[in-house]
Amino acid sequence: MEVYEETANIQKKAFVREEVNVRKEVTQDTVKTSEQIRREELDVDTKGQSVVDKKV
């Protein structure tokens, strides 16, 4: 009498399911703005000492 044995054969295979294309799109915008900036003026009096007027 012959006795047989069953074994499970488990394998994993990688396959392509779907393809995706990726690209980079660069855009450039030009924006015009105007701002008031701080300014410092240096005034020297007749005695030689400096006077700083900070205008904001």
PDB file of N, CA and C in Angstrom:
ATOM      1  N   MET A   1       0.841  -1.155   0.000  1.00  0.00           N
ATOM      2  CA  MET A   1       0.000   0.000   0.000  1.00  0.00           C
ATOM      3  C   MET A   1       0.904   1.241   0.000  1.00  0.00           C
ATOM      4  N   GLU A   2       0.595   2.195  -0.835  1.00  0.00           N
ATOM      5  CA  GLU A   2       1.367   3.437  -0.906  1.00  0.00           C
ATOM      6  C   GLU A   2       0.636   4.529  -0.132  1.00  0.00           C
ATOM      7  N   VAL A   3       1.398   5.361   0.574  1.00  0.00           N
ATOM      8  CA  VAL A   3       0.834   6.455   1.369  1.00  0.00           C
ATOM      9  C   VAL A   3       1.283   7.759   0.722  1.00  0.00           C
ATOM     10  N   TYR A   4       0.346   8.610   0.430  1.00  0.00           N
ATOM     11  CA  TYR A   4       0.646   9.894  -0.188  1.00  0.00           C
ATOM     12  C   TYR A   4       0.446  11.014   0.835  1.00  0.00           C
ATOM     13  N   GLU A   5       1.223  12.067   0.639  1.00  0.00           N
ATOM     14  CA  GLU A   5       1.119  13.224   1.535  1.00  0.00           C
ATOM     15  C   GLU A   5       0.847  14.452   0.681  1.00  0.00           C
ATOM     16  N   GLU A   6      -0.015  15.332   1.136  1.00  0.00           N
ATOM     17  CA  GLU A   6      -0.317  16.568   0.430  1.00  0.00           C
ATOM     18  C   GLU A   6       0.391  17.724   1.142  1.00  0.00           C
ATOM     19  N   THR A   7       1.022  18.593   0.361  1.00  0.00           N
ATOM     20  CA  THR A   7       1.660  19.797   0.919  1.00  0.00           C
ATOM     21  C   THR A   7       1.150  21.007   0.149  1.00  0.00           C
ATOM     22  N   ALA A   8       1.057  22.128   0.827  1.00  0.00           N
ATOM     23  CA  ALA A   8       0.603  23.376   0.200  1.00  0.00           C
ATOM     24  C   ALA A   8       1.788  24.073  -0.448  1.00  0.00           C
ATOM     25  N   ASN A   9       1.611  24.542  -1.667  1.00  0.00           N
ATOM     26  CA  ASN A   9       2.649  25.266  -2.396  1.00  0.00           C
ATOM     27  C   ASN A   9       2.208  26.728  -2.473  1.00  0.00           C
ATOM     28  N   ILE A  10       2.833  27.584  -1.668  1.00  0.00           N
ATOM     29  CA  ILE A  10       2.448  28.991  -1.584  1.00  0.00           C
ATOM     30  C   ILE A  10       3.567  29.827  -2.168  1.00  0.00           C
ATOM     31  N   GLN A  11       3.214  30.688  -3.148  1.00  0.00           N
ATOM     32  CA  GLN A  11       4.199  31.565  -3.782  1.00  0.00           C
ATOM     33  C   GLN A  11       3.600  32.954  -3.943  1.00  0.00           C
ATOM     34  N   LYS A  12       4.485  33.934  -3.919  1.00  0.00           N
ATOM     35  CA  LYS A  12       4.065  35.308  -4.193  1.00  0.00           C
ATOM     36  C   LYS A  12       4.764  35.751  -5.464  1.00  0.00           C
ATOM     37  N   LYS A  13       4.029  36.401  -6.351  1.00  0.00           N
ATOM     38  CA  LYS A  13       4.598  36.939  -7.576  1.00  0.00           C
ATOM     39  C   LYS A  13       4.164  38.388  -7.710  1.00  0.00           C
ATOM     40  N   ALA A  14       5.100  39.228  -8.099  1.00  0.00           N
ATOM     41  CA  ALA A  14       4.787  40.633  -8.351  1.00  0.00           C
ATOM     42  C   ALA A  14       4.441  40.792  -9.822  1.00  0.00           C
ATOM     43  N   PHE A  15       3.387  41.541 -10.088  1.00  0.00           N
ATOM     44  CA  PHE A  15       3.001  41.809 -11.469  1.00  0.00           C
ATOM     45  C   PHE A  15       2.474  43.234 -11.550  1.00  0.00           C
ATOM     46  N   VAL A  16       2.518  43.808 -12.738  1.00  0.00           N
ATOM     47  CA  VAL A  16       2.085  45.188 -12.958  1.00  0.00           C
ATOM     48  C   VAL A  16       0.567  45.206 -13.002  1.00  0.00           C
ATOM     49  N   ARG A  17       0.016  45.952 -12.084  1.00  0.00           N
ATOM     50  CA  ARG A  17      -1.448  46.059 -12.043  1.00  0.00           C
ATOM     51  C   ARG A  17      -1.924  47.256 -12.849  1.00  0.00           C
ATOM     52  N   GLU A  18      -1.219  48.399 -12.690  1.00  0.00           N
ATOM     53  CA  GLU A  18      -1.521  49.581 -13.485  1.00  0.00           C
ATOM     54  C   GLU A  18      -0.271  50.442 -13.562  1.00  0.00           C
ATOM     55  N   GLU A  19      -0.225  51.319 -14.545  1.00  0.00           N
ATOM     56  CA  GLU A  19       0.916  52.209 -14.728  1.00  0.00           C
ATOM     57  C   GLU A  19       0.464  53.639 -14.485  1.00  0.00           C
ATOM     58  N   VAL A  20       1.331  54.401 -13.832  1.00  0.00           N
ATOM     59  CA  VAL A  20       1.040  55.788 -13.518  1.00  0.00           C
ATOM     60  C   VAL A  20       2.177  56.645 -14.045  1.00  0.00           C
ATOM     61  N   ASN A  21       1.841  57.693 -14.773  1.00  0.00           N
ATOM     62  CA  ASN A  21       2.847  58.640 -15.256  1.00  0.00           C
ATOM     63  C   ASN A  21       2.841  59.862 -14.343  1.00  0.00           C
ATOM     64  N   VAL A  22       4.013  60.288 -13.938  1.00  0.00           N
ATOM     65  CA  VAL A  22       4.159  61.433 -13.051  1.00  0.00           C
ATOM     66  C   VAL A  22       5.023  62.466 -13.752  1.00  0.00           C
ATOM     67  N   ARG A  23       4.573  63.717 -13.736  1.00  0.00           N
ATOM     68  CA  ARG A  23       5.374  64.788 -14.316  1.00  0.00           C
ATOM     69  C   ARG A  23       5.243  66.029 -13.454  1.00  0.00           C
ATOM     70  N   LYS A  24       6.233  66.877 -13.561  1.00  0.00           N
ATOM     71  CA  LYS A  24       6.259  68.100 -12.770  1.00  0.00           C
ATOM     72  C   LYS A  24       5.995  69.274 -13.700  1.00  0.00           C
ATOM     73  N   GLU A  25       5.034  70.093 -13.342  1.00  0.00           N
ATOM     74  CA  GLU A  25       4.701  71.257 -14.150  1.00  0.00           C
ATOM     75  C   GLU A  25       5.030  72.504 -13.344  1.00  0.00           C
ATOM     76  N   VAL A  26       5.866  73.351 -13.900  1.00  0.00           N
ATOM     77  CA  VAL A  26       6.319  74.558 -13.204  1.00  0.00           C
ATOM     78  C   VAL A  26       5.573  75.755 -13.775  1.00  0.00           C
ATOM     79  N   THR A  27       4.978  76.534 -12.894  1.00  0.00           N
ATOM     80  CA  THR A  27       4.299  77.754 -13.313  1.00  0.00           C
ATOM     81  C   THR A  27       4.931  78.942 -12.606  1.00  0.00           C
ATOM     82  N   GLN A  28       4.855  80.086 -13.250  1.00  0.00           N
ATOM     83  CA  GLN A  28       5.468  81.281 -12.678  1.00  0.00           C
ATOM     84  C   GLN A  28       4.479  82.424 -12.815  1.00  0.00           C
ATOM     85  N   ASP A  29       4.277  83.148 -11.738  1.00  0.00           N
ATOM     86  CA  ASP A  29       3.383  84.294 -11.725  1.00  0.00           C
ATOM     87  C   ASP A  29       4.180  85.540 -11.371  1.00  0.00           C
ATOM     88  N   THR A  30       3.804  86.661 -11.970  1.00  0.00           N
ATOM     89  CA  THR A  30       4.419  87.945 -11.656  1.00  0.00           C
ATOM     90  C   THR A  30       3.374  88.797 -10.953  1.00  0.00           C
ATOM     91  N   VAL A  31       3.740  89.298  -9.780  1.00  0.00           N
ATOM     92  CA  VAL A  31       2.815  90.094  -8.985  1.00  0.00           C
ATOM     93  C   VAL A  31       3.478  91.437  -8.704  1.00  0.00           C
ATOM     94  N   LYS A  32       2.756  92.507  -8.954  1.00  0.00           N
ATOM     95  CA  LYS A  32       3.271  93.842  -8.657  1.00  0.00           C
ATOM     96  C   LYS A  32       2.689  94.299  -7.327  1.00  0.00           C
ATOM     97  N   THR A  33       3.549  94.749  -6.444  1.00  0.00           N
ATOM     98  CA  THR A  33       3.101  95.236  -5.140  1.00  0.00           C
ATOM     99  C   THR A  33       3.786  96.554  -4.836  1.00  0.00           C
ATOM    100  N   SER A  34       3.220  97.281  -3.926  1.00  0.00           N
ATOM    101  CA  SER A  34       3.865  98.513  -3.452  1.00  0.00           C
ATOM    102  C   SER A  34       3.712  98.553  -1.938  1.00  0.00           C
ATOM    103  N   GLU A  35       4.781  98.910  -1.273  1.00  0.00           N
ATOM    104  CA  GLU A  35       4.812  98.960   0.187  1.00  0.00           C
ATOM    105  C   GLU A  35       5.547 100.223   0.610  1.00  0.00           C
ATOM    106  N   GLN A  36       5.214 100.709   1.773  1.00  0.00           N
ATOM    107  CA  GLN A  36       5.959 101.814   2.350  1.00  0.00           C
ATOM    108  C   GLN A  36       7.003 101.211   3.285  1.00  0.00           C
ATOM    109  N   ILE A  37       8.239 101.590   3.066  1.00  0.00           N
ATOM    110  CA  ILE A  37       9.310 101.045   3.890  1.00  0.00           C
ATOM    111  C   ILE A  37       9.772 102.089   4.893  1.00  0.00           C
ATOM    112  N   ARG A  38      10.441 101.588   5.935  1.00  0.00           N
ATOM    113  CA  ARG A  38      10.964 102.509   6.938  1.00  0.00           C
ATOM    114  C   ARG A  38      12.173 103.244   6.385  1.00  0.00           C
ATOM    115  N   ARG A  39      12.367 104.424   6.865  1.00  0.00           N
ATOM    116  CA  ARG A  39      13.474 105.226   6.386  1.00  0.00           C
ATOM    117  C   ARG A  39      14.075 105.993   7.556  1.00  0.00           C
ATOM    118  N   GLU A  40      15.371 106.050   7.590  1.00  0.00           N
ATOM    119  CA  GLU A  40      16.061 106.822   8.625  1.00  0.00           C
ATOM    120  C   GLU A  40      16.849 107.940   7.956  1.00  0.00           C
ATOM    121  N   GLU A  41      16.764 109.102   8.545  1.00  0.00           N
ATOM    122  CA  GLU A  41      17.520 110.249   8.050  1.00  0.00           C
ATOM    123  C   GLU A  41      18.449 110.724   9.155  1.00  0.00           C
ATOM    124  N   LEU A  42      19.634 111.090   8.772  1.00  0.00           N
ATOM    125  CA  LEU A  42      20.628 111.566   9.732  1.00  0.00           C
ATOM    126  C   LEU A  42      20.839 113.060   9.524  1.00  0.00           C
ATOM    127  N   ASP A  43      20.522 113.819  10.550  1.00  0.00           N
ATOM    128  CA  ASP A  43      20.727 115.264  10.519  1.00  0.00           C
ATOM    129  C   ASP A  43      21.845 115.606  11.493  1.00  0.00           C
ATOM    130  N   VAL A  44      22.766 116.414  11.070  1.00  0.00           N
ATOM    131  CA  VAL A  44      23.875 116.843  11.928  1.00  0.00           C
ATOM    132  C   VAL A  44      23.680 118.318  12.236  1.00  0.00           C
ATOM    133  N   ASP A  45      23.638 118.630  13.538  1.00  0.00           N
ATOM    134  CA  ASP A  45      23.482 120.036  13.901  1.00  0.00           C
ATOM    135  C   ASP A  45      24.827 120.754  13.849  1.00  0.00           C
ATOM    136  N   THR A  46      24.824 122.040  14.115  1.00  0.00           N
ATOM    137  CA  THR A  46      26.029 122.858  13.962  1.00  0.00           C
ATOM    138  C   THR A  46      27.100 122.549  14.996  1.00  0.00           C
ATOM    139  N   LYS A  47      26.758 121.858  16.097  1.00  0.00           N
ATOM    140  CA  LYS A  47      27.738 121.541  17.106  1.00  0.00           C
ATOM    141  C   LYS A  47      28.437 120.214  16.818  1.00  0.00           C
ATOM    142  N   GLY A  48      28.032 119.528  15.765  1.00  0.00           N
ATOM    143  CA  GLY A  48      28.689 118.286  15.402  1.00  0.00           C
ATOM    144  C   GLY A  48      28.080 117.033  16.008  1.00  0.00           C
ATOM    145  N   GLN A  49      27.001 117.154  16.766  1.00  0.00           N
ATOM    146  CA  GLN A  49      26.335 115.981  17.332  1.00  0.00           C
ATOM    147  C   GLN A  49      25.258 115.504  16.355  1.00  0.00           C
ATOM    148  N   SER A  50      25.109 114.203  16.275  1.00  0.00           N
ATOM    149  CA  SER A  50      24.148 113.647  15.329  1.00  0.00           C
ATOM    150  C   SER A  50      22.755 113.563  15.954  1.00  0.00           C
ATOM    151  N   VAL A  51      21.740 113.805  15.144  1.00  0.00           N
ATOM    152  CA  VAL A  51      20.356 113.692  15.560  1.00  0.00           C
ATOM    153  C   VAL A  51      19.683 112.725  14.582  1.00  0.00           C
ATOM    154  N   VAL A  52      19.133 111.624  15.095  1.00  0.00           N
ATOM    155  CA  VAL A  52      18.503 110.623  14.239  1.00  0.00           C
ATOM    156  C   VAL A  52      17.000 110.786  14.324  1.00  0.00           C
ATOM    157  N   ASP A  53      16.362 110.946  13.162  1.00  0.00           N
ATOM    158  CA  ASP A  53      14.910 111.072  13.091  1.00  0.00           C
ATOM    159  C   ASP A  53      14.382 109.808  12.430  1.00  0.00           C
ATOM    160  N   LYS A  54      13.747 108.942  13.216  1.00  0.00           N
ATOM    161  CA  LYS A  54      13.210 107.686  12.666  1.00  0.00           C
ATOM    162  C   LYS A  54      11.761 107.904  12.262  1.00  0.00           C
ATOM    163  N   LYS A  55      11.527 107.841  10.975  1.00  0.00           N
ATOM    164  CA  LYS A  55      10.159 107.964  10.459  1.00  0.00           C
ATOM    165  C   LYS A  55       9.659 106.581  10.132  1.00  0.00           C
ATOM    166  N   VAL A  56       8.517 106.222  10.674  1.00  0.00           N
ATOM    167  CA  VAL A  56       7.953 104.887  10.449  1.00  0.00           C
ATOM    168  C   VAL A  56       6.812 104.995   9.471  1.00  0.00           C
TER     169      VAL A  56
END
